[in-house]
Amino acid sequence: MEFIEGLRAFRPHEKAPDFVKANLLISRDDRNKFIEWVANQPDGDIRIDVKESKKATYYCALNEYKKPEAPNNQDVDINELPF
C-alpha cells in the first residue's frame, strides 16, 4: 500500500451534514511533499482512496486497481466456447 505524502484525512466534524464523508488536509508545511508525490506518479489520473484504519482513523492511500484488459477476440477459439 502506498500512502499519499502530504495528504491527510479526518472524520467529519460531529455537526457536519450527512453528505460530508471525510475532511482532507494538505497543510502548507506539507504541500511541497504532496506536489512532489503527485509529480512522481505515472501520467494519467491518480485515484486516491480514503480508508479507515483498525483504530478508526482515516488515511489516504493510492488506489492501484488496474482494469483487466479485455481479451482480444482473435485469440478466442470458437471450438472451446461452452455454448
PDB file of N, CA and C in Angstrom:
ATOM      1  N   MET A   1       0.831  -1.162   0.000  1.00  0.00           N
ATOM      2  CA  MET A   1       0.000   0.000   0.000  1.00  0.00           C
ATOM      3  C   MET A   1       0.885   1.237   0.000  1.00  0.00           C
ATOM      4  N   GLU A   2       0.525   2.194  -0.821  1.00  0.00           N
ATOM      5  CA  GLU A   2       1.295   3.439  -0.890  1.00  0.00           C
ATOM      6  C   GLU A   2       0.476   4.573  -0.275  1.00  0.00           C
ATOM      7  N   PHE A   3       1.021   5.175   0.777  1.00  0.00           N
ATOM      8  CA  PHE A   3       0.368   6.308   1.404  1.00  0.00           C
ATOM      9  C   PHE A   3       0.639   7.566   0.589  1.00  0.00           C
ATOM     10  N   ILE A   4      -0.235   8.538   0.702  1.00  0.00           N
ATOM     11  CA  ILE A   4      -0.112   9.775  -0.051  1.00  0.00           C
ATOM     12  C   ILE A   4       0.672  10.782   0.783  1.00  0.00           C
ATOM     13  N   GLU A   5       1.830  11.175   0.288  1.00  0.00           N
ATOM     14  CA  GLU A   5       2.673  12.141   1.002  1.00  0.00           C
ATOM     15  C   GLU A   5       1.982  13.503   1.056  1.00  0.00           C
ATOM     16  N   GLY A   6       1.881  14.068   2.257  1.00  0.00           N
ATOM     17  CA  GLY A   6       1.370  15.426   2.410  1.00  0.00           C
ATOM     18  C   GLY A   6      -0.146  15.559   2.378  1.00  0.00           C
ATOM     19  N   LEU A   7      -0.877  14.451   2.313  1.00  0.00           N
ATOM     20  CA  LEU A   7      -2.340  14.486   2.297  1.00  0.00           C
ATOM     21  C   LEU A   7      -2.857  13.661   3.472  1.00  0.00           C
ATOM     22  N   ARG A   8      -3.721  14.272   4.292  1.00  0.00           N
ATOM     23  CA  ARG A   8      -4.270  13.563   5.446  1.00  0.00           C
ATOM     24  C   ARG A   8      -5.790  13.605   5.398  1.00  0.00           C
ATOM     25  N   ALA A   9      -6.417  12.616   5.978  1.00  0.00           N
ATOM     26  CA  ALA A   9      -7.873  12.524   6.012  1.00  0.00           C
ATOM     27  C   ALA A   9      -8.351  12.441   7.454  1.00  0.00           C
ATOM     28  N   PHE A  10      -9.511  13.030   7.696  1.00  0.00           N
ATOM     29  CA  PHE A  10     -10.098  13.037   9.029  1.00  0.00           C
ATOM     30  C   PHE A  10     -11.592  12.768   8.924  1.00  0.00           C
ATOM     31  N   ARG A  11     -12.153  12.259  10.011  1.00  0.00           N
ATOM     32  CA  ARG A  11     -13.609  12.117  10.099  1.00  0.00           C
ATOM     33  C   ARG A  11     -14.223  13.517  10.066  1.00  0.00           C
ATOM     34  N   PRO A  12     -15.411  13.637   9.513  1.00  0.00           N
ATOM     35  CA  PRO A  12     -16.068  14.940   9.525  1.00  0.00           C
ATOM     36  C   PRO A  12     -16.408  15.379  10.951  1.00  0.00           C
ATOM     37  N   HIS A  13     -16.546  16.657  11.147  1.00  0.00           N
ATOM     38  CA  HIS A  13     -16.959  17.203  12.440  1.00  0.00           C
ATOM     39  C   HIS A  13     -18.316  16.624  12.798  1.00  0.00           C
ATOM     40  N   GLU A  14     -18.568  16.422  14.069  1.00  0.00           N
ATOM     41  CA  GLU A  14     -19.824  15.791  14.509  1.00  0.00           C
ATOM     42  C   GLU A  14     -21.067  16.563  14.077  1.00  0.00           C
ATOM     43  N   LYS A  15     -20.947  17.852  13.802  1.00  0.00           N
ATOM     44  CA  LYS A  15     -22.091  18.655  13.366  1.00  0.00           C
ATOM     45  C   LYS A  15     -22.153  18.798  11.839  1.00  0.00           C
ATOM     46  N   ALA A  16     -21.246  18.128  11.148  1.00  0.00           N
ATOM     47  CA  ALA A  16     -21.252  18.201   9.681  1.00  0.00           C
ATOM     48  C   ALA A  16     -22.480  17.476   9.133  1.00  0.00           C
ATOM     49  N   PRO A  17     -23.016  17.925   7.999  1.00  0.00           N
ATOM     50  CA  PRO A  17     -24.159  17.227   7.408  1.00  0.00           C
ATOM     51  C   PRO A  17     -23.778  15.818   6.962  1.00  0.00           C
ATOM     52  N   ASP A  18     -24.773  14.950   6.818  1.00  0.00           N
ATOM     53  CA  ASP A  18     -24.543  13.547   6.464  1.00  0.00           C
ATOM     54  C   ASP A  18     -23.804  13.363   5.149  1.00  0.00           C
ATOM     55  N   PHE A  19     -23.927  14.316   4.236  1.00  0.00           N
ATOM     56  CA  PHE A  19     -23.286  14.142   2.934  1.00  0.00           C
ATOM     57  C   PHE A  19     -21.786  14.424   2.964  1.00  0.00           C
ATOM     58  N   VAL A  20     -21.263  14.931   4.074  1.00  0.00           N
ATOM     59  CA  VAL A  20     -19.824  15.115   4.231  1.00  0.00           C
ATOM     60  C   VAL A  20     -19.262  13.803   4.779  1.00  0.00           C
ATOM     61  N   LYS A  21     -18.427  13.134   4.004  1.00  0.00           N
ATOM     62  CA  LYS A  21     -17.919  11.809   4.380  1.00  0.00           C
ATOM     63  C   LYS A  21     -16.516  11.840   4.978  1.00  0.00           C
ATOM     64  N   ALA A  22     -15.714  12.841   4.617  1.00  0.00           N
ATOM     65  CA  ALA A  22     -14.349  12.944   5.140  1.00  0.00           C
ATOM     66  C   ALA A  22     -13.856  14.369   4.936  1.00  0.00           C
ATOM     67  N   ASN A  23     -12.884  14.750   5.730  1.00  0.00           N
ATOM     68  CA  ASN A  23     -12.188  16.019   5.551  1.00  0.00           C
ATOM     69  C   ASN A  23     -10.765  15.706   5.118  1.00  0.00           C
ATOM     70  N   LEU A  24     -10.307  16.367   4.076  1.00  0.00           N
ATOM     71  CA  LEU A  24      -8.943  16.176   3.591  1.00  0.00           C
ATOM     72  C   LEU A  24      -8.129  17.416   3.899  1.00  0.00           C
ATOM     73  N   LEU A  25      -6.866  17.212   4.208  1.00  0.00           N
ATOM     74  CA  LEU A  25      -5.993  18.318   4.575  1.00  0.00           C
ATOM     75  C   LEU A  25      -4.670  18.202   3.832  1.00  0.00           C
ATOM     76  N   ILE A  26      -4.308  19.282   3.166  1.00  0.00           N
ATOM     77  CA  ILE A  26      -2.955  19.459   2.634  1.00  0.00           C
ATOM     78  C   ILE A  26      -2.435  20.687   3.366  1.00  0.00           C
ATOM     79  N   SER A  27      -1.602  20.476   4.366  1.00  0.00           N
ATOM     80  CA  SER A  27      -1.126  21.614   5.155  1.00  0.00           C
ATOM     81  C   SER A  27      -0.082  22.397   4.366  1.00  0.00           C
ATOM     82  N   ARG A  28       0.024  23.652   4.687  1.00  0.00           N
ATOM     83  CA  ARG A  28       1.015  24.493   3.998  1.00  0.00           C
ATOM     84  C   ARG A  28       2.433  23.944   4.201  1.00  0.00           C
ATOM     85  N   ASP A  29       2.690  23.368   5.378  1.00  0.00           N
ATOM     86  CA  ASP A  29       4.023  22.820   5.645  1.00  0.00           C
ATOM     87  C   ASP A  29       4.306  21.583   4.800  1.00  0.00           C
ATOM     88  N   ASP A  30       3.265  20.813   4.482  1.00  0.00           N
ATOM     89  CA  ASP A  30       3.451  19.554   3.746  1.00  0.00           C
ATOM     90  C   ASP A  30       3.075  19.632   2.276  1.00  0.00           C
ATOM     91  N   ARG A  31       2.621  20.787   1.806  1.00  0.00           N
ATOM     92  CA  ARG A  31       2.135  20.846   0.416  1.00  0.00           C
ATOM     93  C   ARG A  31       3.229  20.520  -0.590  1.00  0.00           C
ATOM     94  N   ASN A  32       4.481  20.866  -0.284  1.00  0.00           N
ATOM     95  CA  ASN A  32       5.564  20.521  -1.213  1.00  0.00           C
ATOM     96  C   ASN A  32       5.742  19.009  -1.313  1.00  0.00           C
ATOM     97  N   LYS A  33       5.529  18.289  -0.186  1.00  0.00           N
ATOM     98  CA  LYS A  33       5.594  16.829  -0.218  1.00  0.00           C
ATOM     99  C   LYS A  33       4.501  16.273  -1.126  1.00  0.00           C
ATOM    100  N   PHE A  34       3.300  16.853  -1.016  1.00  0.00           N
ATOM    101  CA  PHE A  34       2.179  16.392  -1.832  1.00  0.00           C
ATOM    102  C   PHE A  34       2.442  16.685  -3.310  1.00  0.00           C
ATOM    103  N   ILE A  35       2.892  17.888  -3.613  1.00  0.00           N
ATOM    104  CA  ILE A  35       3.179  18.264  -5.010  1.00  0.00           C
ATOM    105  C   ILE A  35       4.259  17.363  -5.584  1.00  0.00           C
ATOM    106  N   GLU A  36       5.291  17.082  -4.812  1.00  0.00           N
ATOM    107  CA  GLU A  36       6.367  16.200  -5.268  1.00  0.00           C
ATOM    108  C   GLU A  36       5.847  14.776  -5.482  1.00  0.00           C
ATOM    109  N   TRP A  37       4.983  14.303  -4.570  1.00  0.00           N
ATOM    110  CA  TRP A  37       4.417  12.963  -4.704  1.00  0.00           C
ATOM    111  C   TRP A  37       3.606  12.868  -5.992  1.00  0.00           C
ATOM    112  N   VAL A  38       2.764  13.875  -6.256  1.00  0.00           N
ATOM    113  CA  VAL A  38       1.950  13.882  -7.482  1.00  0.00           C
ATOM    114  C   VAL A  38       2.855  13.904  -8.704  1.00  0.00           C
ATOM    115  N   ALA A  39       3.890  14.723  -8.685  1.00  0.00           N
ATOM    116  CA  ALA A  39       4.798  14.837  -9.831  1.00  0.00           C
ATOM    117  C   ALA A  39       5.512  13.525 -10.126  1.00  0.00           C
ATOM    118  N   ASN A  40       5.708  12.680  -9.121  1.00  0.00           N
ATOM    119  CA  ASN A  40       6.408  11.409  -9.305  1.00  0.00           C
ATOM    120  C   ASN A  40       5.492  10.261  -9.718  1.00  0.00           C
ATOM    121  N   GLN A  41       4.200  10.516  -9.858  1.00  0.00           N
ATOM    122  CA  GLN A  41       3.263   9.474 -10.283  1.00  0.00           C
ATOM    123  C   GLN A  41       3.287   9.349 -11.800  1.00  0.00           C
ATOM    124  N   PRO A  42       2.972   8.163 -12.319  1.00  0.00           N
ATOM    125  CA  PRO A  42       2.920   7.995 -13.771  1.00  0.00           C
ATOM    126  C   PRO A  42       1.852   8.907 -14.367  1.00  0.00           C
ATOM    127  N   ASP A  43       1.968   9.171 -15.669  1.00  0.00           N
ATOM    128  CA  ASP A  43       0.986  10.002 -16.357  1.00  0.00           C
ATOM    129  C   ASP A  43      -0.403   9.404 -16.229  1.00  0.00           C
ATOM    130  N   GLY A  44      -1.399  10.239 -16.324  1.00  0.00           N
ATOM    131  CA  GLY A  44      -2.783   9.781 -16.240  1.00  0.00           C
ATOM    132  C   GLY A  44      -3.404  10.180 -14.918  1.00  0.00           C
ATOM    133  N   ASP A  45      -4.597   9.703 -14.709  1.00  0.00           N
ATOM    134  CA  ASP A  45      -5.334  10.029 -13.494  1.00  0.00           C
ATOM    135  C   ASP A  45      -4.703   9.360 -12.277  1.00  0.00           C
ATOM    136  N   ILE A  46      -4.861   9.993 -11.135  1.00  0.00           N
ATOM    137  CA  ILE A  46      -4.405   9.442  -9.861  1.00  0.00           C
ATOM    138  C   ILE A  46      -5.642   9.221  -9.012  1.00  0.00           C
ATOM    139  N   ARG A  47      -5.896   7.991  -8.645  1.00  0.00           N
ATOM    140  CA  ARG A  47      -7.047   7.681  -7.791  1.00  0.00           C
ATOM    141  C   ARG A  47      -6.555   7.460  -6.370  1.00  0.00           C
ATOM    142  N   ILE A  48      -7.231   8.124  -5.429  1.00  0.00           N
ATOM    143  CA  ILE A  48      -6.860   8.053  -4.024  1.00  0.00           C
ATOM    144  C   ILE A  48      -8.064   7.557  -3.239  1.00  0.00           C
ATOM    145  N   ASP A  49      -7.850   6.565  -2.386  1.00  0.00           N
ATOM    146  CA  ASP A  49      -8.898   6.047  -1.516  1.00  0.00           C
ATOM    147  C   ASP A  49      -8.733   6.631  -0.122  1.00  0.00           C
ATOM    148  N   VAL A  50      -9.840   7.009   0.495  1.00  0.00           N
ATOM    149  CA  VAL A  50      -9.854   7.358   1.908  1.00  0.00           C
ATOM    150  C   VAL A  50     -10.303   6.104   2.637  1.00  0.00           C
ATOM    151  N   LYS A  51      -9.432   5.593   3.504  1.00  0.00           N
ATOM    152  CA  LYS A  51      -9.696   4.322   4.189  1.00  0.00           C
ATOM    153  C   LYS A  51      -9.767   4.540   5.694  1.00  0.00           C
ATOM    154  N   GLU A  52     -10.318   3.541   6.380  1.00  0.00           N
ATOM    155  CA  GLU A  52     -10.412   3.590   7.832  1.00  0.00           C
ATOM    156  C   GLU A  52      -9.488   2.529   8.422  1.00  0.00           C
ATOM    157  N   SER A  53      -8.644   2.954   9.356  1.00  0.00           N
ATOM    158  CA  SER A  53      -7.702   2.027   9.982  1.00  0.00           C
ATOM    159  C   SER A  53      -8.411   1.202  11.054  1.00  0.00           C
ATOM    160  N   LYS A  54      -7.705   0.214  11.577  1.00  0.00           N
ATOM    161  CA  LYS A  54      -8.243  -0.608  12.666  1.00  0.00           C
ATOM    162  C   LYS A  54      -8.504   0.232  13.916  1.00  0.00           C
ATOM    163  N   LYS A  55      -7.804   1.349  14.039  1.00  0.00           N
ATOM    164  CA  LYS A  55      -8.001   2.244  15.189  1.00  0.00           C
ATOM    165  C   LYS A  55      -9.068   3.302  14.887  1.00  0.00           C
ATOM    166  N   ALA A  56      -9.802   3.124  13.791  1.00  0.00           N
ATOM    167  CA  ALA A  56     -10.915   4.001  13.402  1.00  0.00           C
ATOM    168  C   ALA A  56     -10.480   5.402  12.986  1.00  0.00           C
ATOM    169  N   THR A  57      -9.222   5.543  12.564  1.00  0.00           N
ATOM    170  CA  THR A  57      -8.777   6.815  11.999  1.00  0.00           C
ATOM    171  C   THR A  57      -8.780   6.691  10.483  1.00  0.00           C
ATOM    172  N   TYR A  58      -8.874   7.811   9.803  1.00  0.00           N
ATOM    173  CA  TYR A  58      -8.881   7.813   8.342  1.00  0.00           C
ATOM    174  C   TYR A  58      -7.472   8.043   7.813  1.00  0.00           C
ATOM    175  N   TYR A  59      -7.208   7.519   6.636  1.00  0.00           N
ATOM    176  CA  TYR A  59      -5.948   7.769   5.955  1.00  0.00           C
ATOM    177  C   TYR A  59      -6.160   7.688   4.452  1.00  0.00           C
ATOM    178  N   CYS A  60      -5.222   8.245   3.701  1.00  0.00           N
ATOM    179  CA  CYS A  60      -5.309   8.258   2.238  1.00  0.00           C
ATOM    180  C   CYS A  60      -4.275   7.305   1.668  1.00  0.00           C
ATOM    181  N   ALA A  61      -4.708   6.514   0.689  1.00  0.00           N
ATOM    182  CA  ALA A  61      -3.808   5.559   0.045  1.00  0.00           C
ATOM    183  C   ALA A  61      -4.058   5.571  -1.457  1.00  0.00           C
ATOM    184  N   LEU A  62      -3.008   5.324  -2.195  1.00  0.00           N
ATOM    185  CA  LEU A  62      -3.106   5.249  -3.647  1.00  0.00           C
ATOM    186  C   LEU A  62      -3.954   4.048  -4.040  1.00  0.00           C
ATOM    187  N   ASN A  63      -4.912   4.265  -4.913  1.00  0.00           N
ATOM    188  CA  ASN A  63      -5.732   3.181  -5.452  1.00  0.00           C
ATOM    189  C   ASN A  63      -4.982   2.641  -6.670  1.00  0.00           C
ATOM    190  N   GLU A  64      -4.452   1.444  -6.545  1.00  0.00           N
ATOM    191  CA  GLU A  64      -3.623   0.864  -7.603  1.00  0.00           C
ATOM    192  C   GLU A  64      -4.381  -0.137  -8.474  1.00  0.00           C
ATOM    193  N   TYR A  65      -5.719  -0.120  -8.387  1.00  0.00           N
ATOM    194  CA  TYR A  65      -6.517  -1.046  -9.184  1.00  0.00           C
ATOM    195  C   TYR A  65      -6.278  -0.787 -10.667  1.00  0.00           C
ATOM    196  N   LYS A  66      -6.055  -1.843 -11.393  1.00  0.00           N
ATOM    197  CA  LYS A  66      -5.885  -1.765 -12.845  1.00  0.00           C
ATOM    198  C   LYS A  66      -7.008  -2.564 -13.487  1.00  0.00           C
ATOM    199  N   LYS A  67      -7.749  -1.936 -14.361  1.00  0.00           N
ATOM    200  CA  LYS A  67      -8.836  -2.615 -15.049  1.00  0.00           C
ATOM    201  C   LYS A  67      -8.241  -3.726 -15.907  1.00  0.00           C
ATOM    202  N   PRO A  68      -8.772  -4.942 -15.776  1.00  0.00           N
ATOM    203  CA  PRO A  68      -8.230  -6.036 -16.589  1.00  0.00           C
ATOM    204  C   PRO A  68      -8.452  -5.749 -18.074  1.00  0.00           C
ATOM    205  N   GLU A  69      -7.486  -6.112 -18.848  1.00  0.00           N
ATOM    206  CA  GLU A  69      -7.620  -5.906 -20.287  1.00  0.00           C
ATOM    207  C   GLU A  69      -8.585  -6.940 -20.846  1.00  0.00           C
ATOM    208  N   ALA A  70      -9.438  -6.482 -21.744  1.00  0.00           N
ATOM    209  CA  ALA A  70     -10.386  -7.393 -22.403  1.00  0.00           C
ATOM    210  C   ALA A  70      -9.610  -8.308 -23.332  1.00  0.00           C
ATOM    211  N   PRO A  71     -10.001  -9.568 -23.404  1.00  0.00           N
ATOM    212  CA  PRO A  71      -9.285 -10.469 -24.307  1.00  0.00           C
ATOM    213  C   PRO A  71      -9.508 -10.054 -25.757  1.00  0.00           C
ATOM    214  N   ASN A  72      -8.503 -10.261 -26.539  1.00  0.00           N
ATOM    215  CA  ASN A  72      -8.592  -9.959 -27.965  1.00  0.00           C
ATOM    216  C   ASN A  72      -9.430 -11.050 -28.626  1.00  0.00           C
ATOM    217  N   ASN A  73     -10.473 -10.668 -29.331  1.00  0.00           N
ATOM    218  CA  ASN A  73     -11.372 -11.641 -29.956  1.00  0.00           C
ATOM    219  C   ASN A  73     -10.642 -12.587 -30.900  1.00  0.00           C
ATOM    220  N   GLN A  74      -9.531 -12.161 -31.431  1.00  0.00           N
ATOM    221  CA  GLN A  74      -8.785 -13.019 -32.356  1.00  0.00           C
ATOM    222  C   GLN A  74      -8.118 -14.178 -31.623  1.00  0.00           C
ATOM    223  N   ASP A  75      -7.950 -14.042 -30.304  1.00  0.00           N
ATOM    224  CA  ASP A  75      -7.295 -15.089 -29.508  1.00  0.00           C
ATOM    225  C   ASP A  75      -8.272 -16.176 -29.046  1.00  0.00           C
ATOM    226  N   VAL A  76      -9.574 -15.979 -29.274  1.00  0.00           N
ATOM    227  CA  VAL A  76     -10.575 -16.916 -28.791  1.00  0.00           C
ATOM    228  C   VAL A  76     -10.818 -17.993 -29.847  1.00  0.00           C
ATOM    229  N   ASP A  77     -10.714 -19.250 -29.401  1.00  0.00           N
ATOM    230  CA  ASP A  77     -11.007 -20.378 -30.271  1.00  0.00           C
ATOM    231  C   ASP A  77     -12.487 -20.704 -30.106  1.00  0.00           C
ATOM    232  N   ILE A  78     -13.262 -20.513 -31.139  1.00  0.00           N
ATOM    233  CA  ILE A  78     -14.715 -20.718 -31.077  1.00  0.00           C
ATOM    234  C   ILE A  78     -15.047 -22.135 -30.642  1.00  0.00           C
ATOM    235  N   ASN A  79     -14.244 -23.099 -30.979  1.00  0.00           N
ATOM    236  CA  ASN A  79     -14.495 -24.502 -30.612  1.00  0.00           C
ATOM    237  C   ASN A  79     -14.347 -24.748 -29.115  1.00  0.00           C
ATOM    238  N   GLU A  80     -13.683 -23.833 -28.387  1.00  0.00           N
ATOM    239  CA  GLU A  80     -13.507 -24.019 -26.952  1.00  0.00           C
ATOM    240  C   GLU A  80     -14.574 -23.329 -26.129  1.00  0.00           C
ATOM    241  N   LEU A  81     -15.499 -22.623 -26.751  1.00  0.00           N
ATOM    242  CA  LEU A  81     -16.574 -21.947 -26.021  1.00  0.00           C
ATOM    243  C   LEU A  81     -17.576 -22.985 -25.522  1.00  0.00           C
ATOM    244  N   PRO A  82     -18.132 -22.780 -24.309  1.00  0.00           N
ATOM    245  CA  PRO A  82     -19.033 -23.774 -23.729  1.00  0.00           C
ATOM    246  C   PRO A  82     -20.449 -23.745 -24.300  1.00  0.00           C
ATOM    247  N   PHE A  83     -20.722 -22.908 -25.265  1.00  0.00           N
ATOM    248  CA  PHE A  83     -22.076 -22.830 -25.832  1.00  0.00           C
ATOM    249  C   PHE A  83     -22.043 -22.930 -27.329  1.00  0.00           C
TER     250      PHE A  83
END
